[in-house]
């Protein structure tokens, strides 16, 4: 039985259309579902991949990265090169692709010198002769808290202890006495954002003389980076600080008294010389007259 040529041609056309549709449908852009954690001052990689069927799929390749919340252009690539003139100024000099991996379908973006404003969602868009697609991922910003600075202030009623540090996001702070009892309710912790977006942390504990403990512990936690900082200081350190302060004031008083005595002695000597010179002068004037 012969096949009708028109039916064969129609069947071939349908198969070609179906094949083309499947090829287009296969084109896909993927980004990680889990957020990427970026650390202040370091670089991070926003990962994105796209389907590569053959070499021709790299023709007319377009890659675009955009910050979803601000709608700023993070990076743009087409005509075989970067289009930096379209880039938002805040990302200038901080972005780059991995050119040698484009043929493997890698459209990941390297972001240098991460800062707080970089946090948010990013959209990766890829287009070529085989199709186009886009996908979104999230970036979480964080910064390690630096070694806390410790200050002691003596007051008539007791002693004030203060810890200061800097990081991101807001850290969890707690204080404990020698019995490991949480005394955070007695403290005051404040946060202030600096010009670079990091949080300046200040935590204060004031202890009155009648309820002093031998030891105290200050703890700071940055849960995003699983960072934990714990510092324990004792009554001996407080007494040493008190002695140093007392000795410093005694030295200041001693120097002031000594300086006053020296000035008084010098003044007395100069005054006596002035009086003696005046007496001699008067005698000489009397003799010659």
Protein backbone atom coordinates (compact mmCIF):
# COMPACT_ATOMS: atom_id res chain seq x y z
CA UNK A 1 0.00 0.00 0.00
CA UNK A 2 1.44 3.35 -1.07
CA UNK A 3 1.65 6.28 1.30
CA UNK A 4 0.05 9.50 0.26
CA UNK A 5 2.96 11.99 -0.27
CA UNK A 6 0.89 14.82 1.18
CA UNK A 7 0.27 12.83 4.35
CA UNK A 8 3.98 12.03 4.66
CA UNK A 9 4.93 15.68 4.20
CA UNK A 10 2.35 16.73 6.79
CA UNK A 11 3.65 14.13 9.22
CA UNK A 12 7.23 15.29 8.73
CA UNK A 13 6.19 18.90 9.28
CA UNK A 14 4.43 17.98 12.50
CA UNK A 15 7.48 16.05 13.71
CA UNK A 16 9.76 19.00 12.90
CA UNK A 17 7.47 21.38 14.79
CA UNK A 18 7.27 19.01 17.74
CA UNK A 19 11.04 18.54 17.70
CA UNK A 20 11.64 22.30 17.59
CA UNK A 21 9.17 22.84 20.40
CA UNK A 22 10.85 20.19 22.52
CA UNK A 23 14.26 21.75 21.86
CA UNK A 24 12.99 25.13 22.96
CA UNK A 25 11.23 23.62 25.97
CA UNK A 26 14.44 21.91 27.02
CA UNK A 27 16.23 25.25 27.39
CA UNK A 28 16.33 26.01 31.11
CA UNK A 29 18.08 28.35 33.54
CA UNK A 30 18.77 27.09 37.08
CA UNK A 31 19.91 28.78 40.29
CA UNK A 32 20.33 27.29 43.80
CA UNK A 33 17.18 27.01 45.91
CA UNK A 34 19.11 27.54 49.15
CA UNK A 35 20.31 31.10 49.88
CA UNK A 36 24.01 31.84 49.54
CA UNK A 37 25.69 33.39 52.59
CA UNK A 38 28.11 36.20 51.73
CA UNK A 39 30.67 37.54 54.21
CA UNK A 40 31.60 41.21 54.50
CA UNK A 41 34.65 42.21 52.45
CA UNK A 42 35.02 38.79 50.81
CA UNK A 43 33.82 37.58 47.43
CA UNK A 44 30.88 35.31 46.73
CA UNK A 45 29.61 33.47 43.64
CA UNK A 46 26.00 33.79 42.51
CA UNK A 47 25.54 30.45 40.78
CA UNK A 48 23.50 30.11 37.58
CA UNK A 49 23.53 27.52 34.80
CA UNK A 50 21.75 27.20 31.46
CA UNK A 51 21.13 24.40 28.97
CA UNK A 52 23.66 23.99 26.16
CA UNK A 53 22.52 21.76 23.27
CA UNK A 54 25.37 22.49 20.86
CA UNK A 55 27.89 25.17 19.87
CA UNK A 56 25.22 27.13 18.02
CA UNK A 57 23.41 27.68 21.32
CA UNK A 58 26.15 30.17 22.25
CA UNK A 59 25.26 32.37 19.31
CA UNK A 60 23.63 35.62 20.30
CA UNK A 61 24.17 34.70 23.96
CA UNK A 62 22.72 37.22 26.41
CA UNK A 63 23.30 37.04 30.18
CA UNK A 64 21.78 39.50 32.61
CA UNK A 65 21.86 39.76 36.41
CA UNK A 66 19.48 42.03 38.29
CA UNK A 67 18.87 42.87 41.95
CA UNK A 68 15.16 42.12 42.33
CA UNK A 69 14.29 44.51 45.18
CA UNK A 70 16.09 47.57 43.79
CA UNK A 71 15.72 46.63 40.10
CA UNK A 72 19.35 47.65 39.61
CA UNK A 73 21.36 46.08 36.78
CA UNK A 74 24.09 44.05 38.45
CA UNK A 75 25.72 42.72 35.28
CA UNK A 76 25.01 42.57 31.54
CA UNK A 77 26.65 40.49 28.79
CA UNK A 78 25.86 40.36 25.08
CA UNK A 79 27.55 40.72 21.66
CA UNK A 80 30.27 38.51 23.15
CA UNK A 81 31.42 41.01 25.77
CA UNK A 82 30.53 42.80 29.00
CA UNK A 83 28.22 45.79 28.78
CA UNK A 84 29.50 47.72 31.80
CA UNK A 85 27.87 50.99 30.76
CA UNK A 86 24.50 49.46 31.70
CA UNK A 87 25.68 48.43 35.14
CA UNK A 88 24.53 50.15 38.36
CA UNK A 89 27.40 52.23 39.88
CA UNK A 90 27.32 50.36 43.18
CA UNK A 91 28.41 47.16 41.41
CA UNK A 92 31.09 48.83 39.29
CA UNK A 93 34.42 46.99 39.40
CA UNK A 94 33.02 44.18 41.55
CA UNK A 95 31.49 41.72 39.05
CA UNK A 96 32.76 39.18 36.53
CA UNK A 97 31.65 36.01 34.71
CA UNK A 98 33.66 32.85 34.12
CA UNK A 99 34.17 33.26 30.33
CA UNK A 100 35.95 29.94 29.81
CA UNK A 101 32.95 28.11 31.27
CA UNK A 102 30.21 29.70 29.15
CA UNK A 103 30.33 26.80 26.70
CA UNK A 104 29.53 24.48 29.61
CA UNK A 105 26.46 26.56 30.41
CA UNK A 106 27.91 28.40 33.40
CA UNK A 107 26.45 31.89 33.78
CA UNK A 108 27.55 32.30 37.42
CA UNK A 109 28.56 35.75 38.59
CA UNK A 110 31.47 36.52 40.92
CA UNK A 111 30.71 39.45 43.25
CA UNK A 112 33.73 40.97 45.01
CA UNK A 113 33.97 43.00 48.24
CA UNK A 114 30.51 42.09 49.53
CA UNK A 115 28.70 44.81 51.50
CA UNK A 116 25.38 45.00 53.42
CA UNK A 117 23.47 46.59 50.50
CA UNK A 118 24.17 43.44 48.42
CA UNK A 119 21.69 41.37 50.43
CA UNK A 120 18.48 40.36 48.69
CA UNK A 121 17.23 38.41 45.68
CA UNK A 122 19.03 38.18 42.34
CA UNK A 123 17.56 37.21 39.00
CA UNK A 124 19.67 35.44 36.38
CA UNK A 125 18.40 35.79 32.81
CA UNK A 126 19.89 33.88 29.86
CA UNK A 127 18.89 33.99 26.19
CA UNK A 128 20.35 32.49 23.00
CA UNK A 129 19.21 31.02 19.68
CA UNK A 130 17.63 28.05 21.48
CA UNK A 131 15.40 30.03 23.83
CA UNK A 132 15.40 32.10 27.00
CA UNK A 133 14.65 31.57 30.66
CA UNK A 134 15.29 33.11 34.06
CA UNK A 135 15.67 32.03 37.67
CA UNK A 136 15.95 33.76 41.04
CA UNK A 137 18.20 33.15 44.05
CA UNK A 138 18.78 34.79 47.44
CA UNK A 139 21.89 36.29 49.03
CA UNK A 140 22.23 36.67 52.80
CA UNK A 141 24.81 39.17 54.05
CA UNK A 142 26.73 38.69 57.28
CA UNK A 143 29.95 39.82 58.98
CA UNK A 144 32.04 38.27 61.75
CA UNK A 145 31.98 40.25 64.98
CA UNK A 146 35.44 41.54 65.81
CA UNK A 147 37.21 40.89 69.10
CA UNK A 148 35.21 42.82 71.73
CA UNK A 149 36.78 45.83 73.46
CA UNK A 150 36.42 45.74 77.25
CA UNK A 151 36.07 48.87 79.43
CA UNK A 152 35.78 49.33 83.21
CA UNK A 153 34.34 52.46 84.80
CA UNK A 154 34.48 52.97 88.57
CA UNK A 155 31.60 54.79 90.26
CA UNK A 156 30.88 55.62 93.93
CA UNK A 157 28.02 53.10 93.97
CA UNK A 158 29.74 50.27 92.10
CA UNK A 159 31.41 49.29 88.84
CA UNK A 160 30.30 49.52 85.21
CA UNK A 161 31.52 46.97 82.67
CA UNK A 162 31.16 47.64 78.94
CA UNK A 163 31.83 45.47 75.89
CA UNK A 164 31.88 46.90 72.36
CA UNK A 165 32.11 45.08 69.02
CA UNK A 166 31.08 45.35 65.36
CA UNK A 167 29.49 42.88 62.93
CA UNK A 168 26.29 41.85 61.13
CA UNK A 169 23.42 41.08 61.69
CA UNK A 170 22.41 42.04 65.23
CA UNK A 171 24.09 39.57 67.57
CA UNK A 172 22.54 37.82 70.56
CA UNK A 173 24.14 39.00 73.83
CA UNK A 174 23.92 37.49 77.33
CA UNK A 175 25.67 37.95 80.69
CA UNK A 176 26.23 35.43 83.51
CA UNK A 177 27.47 35.60 87.08
CA UNK A 178 29.78 33.18 88.88
CA UNK A 179 26.91 30.74 89.51
CA UNK A 180 26.21 30.72 85.76
CA UNK A 181 22.91 32.52 86.34
CA UNK A 182 21.66 34.62 83.44
CA UNK A 183 21.78 38.27 84.58
CA UNK A 184 21.10 39.79 81.16
CA UNK A 185 18.06 41.57 82.62
CA UNK A 186 20.48 43.79 84.55
CA UNK A 187 22.26 44.87 81.37
CA UNK A 188 21.61 47.32 78.58
CA UNK A 189 22.55 46.39 75.00
CA UNK A 190 22.25 48.80 72.08
CA UNK A 191 22.95 48.64 68.34
CA UNK A 192 23.81 51.43 65.94
CA UNK A 193 24.52 51.07 62.22
CA UNK A 194 27.75 52.65 61.04
CA UNK A 195 28.37 54.28 57.68
CA UNK A 196 29.38 50.97 56.10
CA UNK A 197 26.15 49.30 57.23
CA UNK A 198 27.62 47.14 60.00
CA UNK A 199 26.15 47.11 63.50
CA UNK A 200 28.08 48.75 66.33
CA UNK A 201 27.18 46.79 69.47
CA UNK A 202 27.51 48.15 73.02
CA UNK A 203 26.53 46.09 76.06
CA UNK A 204 26.72 47.51 79.61
CA UNK A 205 26.51 45.77 83.00
CA UNK A 206 26.44 47.86 86.19
CA UNK A 207 27.17 46.04 89.44
CA UNK A 208 26.76 47.59 92.87
CA UNK A 209 29.31 46.79 95.57
CA UNK A 210 26.84 44.91 97.79
CA UNK A 211 25.96 42.30 95.12
CA UNK A 212 29.27 41.73 93.42
CA UNK A 213 30.18 38.28 92.14
CA UNK A 214 33.72 36.93 91.87
CA UNK A 215 33.44 36.31 88.13
CA UNK A 216 31.30 37.47 85.21
CA UNK A 217 30.91 36.11 81.69
CA UNK A 218 29.95 38.02 78.55
CA UNK A 219 28.69 36.01 75.56
CA UNK A 220 28.00 37.11 72.00
CA UNK A 221 26.49 34.93 69.24
CA UNK A 222 26.19 35.52 65.50
CA UNK A 223 23.82 32.71 64.55
CA UNK A 224 24.18 33.20 60.78
CA UNK A 225 27.90 32.37 60.90
CA UNK A 226 27.64 30.13 63.99
CA UNK A 227 30.13 32.49 65.63
CA UNK A 228 30.34 32.47 69.41
CA UNK A 229 32.48 34.80 71.54
CA UNK A 230 32.74 34.30 75.31
CA UNK A 231 34.83 36.41 77.72
CA UNK A 232 35.12 35.80 81.48
CA UNK A 233 36.66 38.35 83.85
CA UNK A 234 37.11 38.17 87.63
CA UNK A 235 37.04 40.32 90.75
CA UNK A 236 40.84 40.31 90.82
CA UNK A 237 40.88 42.20 87.55
CA UNK A 238 38.41 44.72 88.98
CA UNK A 239 40.53 45.25 92.10
CA UNK A 240 43.62 45.64 89.97
CA UNK A 241 41.83 48.26 87.89
CA UNK A 242 40.74 50.04 91.09
CA UNK A 243 44.32 50.03 92.43
CA UNK A 244 45.69 51.34 89.14
CA UNK A 245 43.07 54.08 89.09
CA UNK A 246 43.70 55.01 92.72
CA UNK A 247 47.48 55.04 92.20
CA UNK A 248 47.08 57.12 89.08
CA UNK A 249 45.08 59.75 90.95
CA UNK A 250 47.54 59.73 93.85
CA UNK A 251 50.37 60.30 91.39
CA UNK A 252 48.50 63.18 89.79
CA UNK A 253 47.85 64.80 93.18
CA UNK A 254 51.48 64.28 94.23
CA UNK A 255 52.77 65.92 91.05
CA UNK A 256 50.41 68.87 91.44
CA UNK A 257 51.44 69.42 95.08
CA UNK A 258 55.12 69.10 94.18
CA UNK A 259 54.74 71.57 91.34
CA UNK A 260 52.97 74.02 93.67
CA UNK A 261 55.73 73.76 96.30
CA UNK A 262 58.45 74.31 93.68
CA UNK A 263 56.64 77.35 92.30
CA UNK A 264 56.19 78.69 95.86
CA UNK A 265 59.89 78.24 96.68
CA UNK A 266 61.01 79.85 93.43
CA UNK A 267 58.61 82.73 94.02
CA UNK A 268 59.91 83.24 97.54
CA UNK A 269 63.55 83.21 96.39
CA UNK A 270 62.90 85.66 93.55
CA UNK A 271 60.93 87.96 95.84
CA UNK A 272 63.74 87.93 98.44
CA UNK A 273 66.31 88.76 95.77
CA UNK A 274 64.13 91.58 94.53
CA UNK A 275 63.78 93.01 98.06
CA UNK A 276 67.55 92.74 98.72
CA UNK A 277 68.34 94.46 95.41
CA UNK A 278 65.88 97.27 96.22
CA UNK A 279 67.43 97.81 99.66
CA UNK A 280 70.93 98.02 98.15
CA UNK A 281 69.73 100.42 95.51
CA UNK A 282 68.15 102.70 98.15
CA UNK A 283 71.40 102.70 100.20
CA UNK A 284 73.49 103.64 97.17
CA UNK A 285 71.16 106.48 96.29
CA UNK A 286 71.31 107.77 99.90
CA UNK A 287 75.16 107.66 99.98
CA UNK A 288 75.61 109.60 96.72
CA UNK A 289 73.02 112.13 97.67
